Protein backbone atom coordinates (compact mmCIF):
# COMPACT_ATOMS: atom_id res chain seq x y z
CA UNK A 1 78.47 115.84 126.20
CA UNK A 2 78.47 114.23 122.73
CA UNK A 3 81.66 112.65 121.46
CA UNK A 4 82.78 113.64 117.99
CA UNK A 5 82.89 110.59 115.73
CA UNK A 6 85.90 110.24 113.48
CA UNK A 7 85.41 109.23 109.88
CA UNK A 8 86.30 105.61 109.10
CA UNK A 9 87.87 104.81 105.73
CA UNK A 10 88.58 101.26 104.48
CA UNK A 11 92.29 100.94 103.66
CA UNK A 12 93.71 98.21 101.41
CA UNK A 13 97.42 97.29 101.25
CA UNK A 14 98.55 95.85 97.94
CA UNK A 15 102.00 94.41 97.35
CA UNK A 16 101.77 95.84 93.82
CA UNK A 17 99.21 97.08 91.29
CA UNK A 18 97.12 99.20 93.70
CA UNK A 19 96.34 101.86 91.11
CA UNK A 20 95.51 99.23 88.47
CA UNK A 21 93.11 97.51 90.88
CA UNK A 22 91.43 100.79 91.80
CA UNK A 23 91.02 101.72 88.14
CA UNK A 24 89.24 98.39 87.55
CA UNK A 25 86.94 98.77 90.57
CA UNK A 26 86.00 102.38 89.78
CA UNK A 27 85.26 101.49 86.15
CA UNK A 28 82.77 98.81 87.20
CA UNK A 29 80.82 100.27 90.09
CA UNK A 30 78.53 103.30 89.64
CA UNK A 31 79.20 106.21 91.99
CA UNK A 32 82.95 105.57 91.90
CA UNK A 33 86.00 107.67 91.10
CA UNK A 34 89.77 107.69 91.35
CA UNK A 35 90.31 110.74 93.57
CA UNK A 36 94.08 110.98 93.83
CA UNK A 37 97.42 109.20 93.60
CA UNK A 38 100.56 110.26 95.45
CA UNK A 39 103.79 108.76 96.69
CA UNK A 40 105.29 108.94 100.15
CA UNK A 41 108.05 111.56 100.17
CA UNK A 42 110.09 109.96 102.96
CA UNK A 43 111.83 106.68 103.76
CA UNK A 44 109.51 104.03 105.15
CA UNK A 45 109.84 100.39 106.18
CA UNK A 46 108.64 99.59 102.63
CA UNK A 47 111.33 101.55 100.81
CA UNK A 48 112.90 104.88 99.89
CA UNK A 49 111.00 108.08 99.09
CA UNK A 50 108.66 107.60 96.13
CA UNK A 51 108.46 103.82 96.48
CA UNK A 52 105.17 103.75 98.41
CA UNK A 53 102.10 104.76 96.38
CA UNK A 54 98.80 105.80 97.98
CA UNK A 55 95.59 105.81 95.96
CA UNK A 56 92.50 107.64 97.19
CA UNK A 57 89.21 106.60 95.64
CA UNK A 58 85.46 106.45 96.04
CA UNK A 59 83.71 103.14 95.46
CA UNK A 60 79.93 103.17 95.26
CA UNK A 61 79.89 106.43 97.23
CA UNK A 62 82.23 105.16 99.98
CA UNK A 63 85.68 106.68 100.37
CA UNK A 64 88.65 104.26 100.39
CA UNK A 65 92.41 104.42 100.38
CA UNK A 66 94.83 101.87 98.99
CA UNK A 67 98.57 101.60 99.38
CA UNK A 68 101.09 99.87 97.16
CA UNK A 69 104.03 99.13 99.39
CA UNK A 70 105.51 95.76 98.57
CA UNK A 71 105.42 92.79 100.87
CA UNK A 72 102.19 92.35 102.80
CA UNK A 73 100.23 89.73 104.71
CA UNK A 74 97.86 89.49 101.75
CA UNK A 75 94.11 89.63 101.61
CA UNK A 76 91.91 86.89 103.05
CA UNK A 77 88.23 86.09 103.60
CA UNK A 78 88.15 87.86 106.96
CA UNK A 79 87.38 91.04 105.02
CA UNK A 80 85.26 91.13 101.87
CA UNK A 81 83.19 93.70 100.03
CA UNK A 82 79.52 93.06 99.29
CA UNK A 83 78.09 94.57 96.12
CA UNK A 84 74.29 94.78 96.22
CA UNK A 85 72.93 94.21 92.69
CA UNK A 86 69.45 95.18 91.55
CA UNK A 87 69.12 92.54 88.83
CA UNK A 88 70.71 89.44 87.32
CA UNK A 89 72.38 91.44 84.54
CA UNK A 90 74.30 93.44 87.16
CA UNK A 91 75.25 90.25 89.04
CA UNK A 92 76.49 88.69 85.79
CA UNK A 93 78.45 91.78 84.70
CA UNK A 94 80.26 92.23 88.00
CA UNK A 95 80.79 88.49 88.47
CA UNK A 96 82.58 88.21 85.14
CA UNK A 97 84.56 91.46 85.38
CA UNK A 98 85.79 91.09 88.96
CA UNK A 99 86.34 87.35 88.69
CA UNK A 100 88.42 87.50 85.51
CA UNK A 101 91.92 86.30 86.39
CA UNK A 102 90.84 85.51 89.95
CA UNK A 103 88.86 82.62 91.36
CA UNK A 104 85.16 81.92 91.77
CA UNK A 105 84.01 80.56 95.09
CA UNK A 106 80.75 79.44 96.70
CA UNK A 107 77.61 81.44 97.52
CA UNK A 108 78.36 84.48 95.38
CA UNK A 109 81.94 84.98 96.61
CA UNK A 110 84.90 85.52 94.34
CA UNK A 111 88.49 86.55 94.74
CA UNK A 112 89.68 89.08 92.16
CA UNK A 113 93.05 88.91 90.37
CA UNK A 114 94.55 91.11 93.12
CA UNK A 115 93.40 88.79 95.93
CA UNK A 116 90.51 90.90 97.26
CA UNK A 117 87.33 89.00 98.20
CA UNK A 118 83.98 90.20 96.88
CA UNK A 119 80.41 89.04 97.41
CA UNK A 120 78.23 89.72 94.36
CA UNK A 121 74.71 89.55 95.77
CA UNK A 122 71.28 90.31 94.34
CA UNK A 123 69.55 92.70 96.75
CA UNK A 124 66.42 90.56 96.68
CA UNK A 125 68.37 87.76 98.41
CA UNK A 126 68.62 89.80 101.61
CA UNK A 127 64.87 90.44 101.59
CA UNK A 128 64.12 86.75 101.15
CA UNK A 129 66.64 85.65 103.81
CA UNK A 130 65.10 88.04 106.36
CA UNK A 131 61.54 86.78 105.78
CA UNK A 132 59.72 86.06 109.04
CA UNK A 133 58.58 82.77 107.48
CA UNK A 134 61.71 80.85 108.39
CA UNK A 135 60.76 77.91 106.12
CA UNK A 136 60.79 80.20 103.09
CA UNK A 137 64.05 81.79 104.24
CA UNK A 138 65.50 78.32 104.84
CA UNK A 139 64.68 77.18 101.31
CA UNK A 140 66.42 80.28 99.94
CA UNK A 141 69.46 79.68 102.16
CA UNK A 142 69.69 76.06 100.97
CA UNK A 143 69.42 77.15 97.33
CA UNK A 144 72.11 79.80 97.85
CA UNK A 145 74.44 77.26 99.47
CA UNK A 146 74.27 75.11 96.33
CA UNK A 147 75.32 77.95 94.00
CA UNK A 148 78.62 79.46 92.99
CA UNK A 149 77.33 82.58 91.17
CA UNK A 150 73.99 83.64 92.64
CA UNK A 151 71.04 83.32 90.29
CA UNK A 152 67.88 85.28 91.09
CA UNK A 153 65.48 82.94 89.24
CA UNK A 154 66.32 79.78 91.23
CA UNK A 155 66.45 81.78 94.47
CA UNK A 156 62.92 83.12 93.86
CA UNK A 157 61.73 79.63 92.91
CA UNK A 158 63.07 78.28 96.22
CA UNK A 159 61.44 81.18 98.07
CA UNK A 160 58.06 80.52 96.47
CA UNK A 161 58.34 76.80 97.30
């Protein structure tokens, strides 16, 4: 007998500014929308009725929920979101927009102004890294490791040798 699979939805807990963060993300990524905002109508460990906000949204076709409920453990690198970009213009646009007010890190990673980690990655990188010619893939990996923002031109140059 087959087991029914439950739907899995990523859930992000913000200390504050959940709706603001979601509005930024949905404005940047195609196939995104802010689907609903509501407040909890009962007391919770985070506060009285109305103090906890829940934001439902779709990001690149994937459903998410976010909660604004005060004190939290904060975001860290254990969870990040990869955005697959078709070209350098898309990498550049998302890199600048999501990184503004946050911090830029190595190998295409950044932390946005709300503390969420993102990987802004040209799709072609995955194809090159999976190449059966491990020398080519190795050159690409070495090139990637030397970058902060990923640049398709130098990655392709490394791939071609």
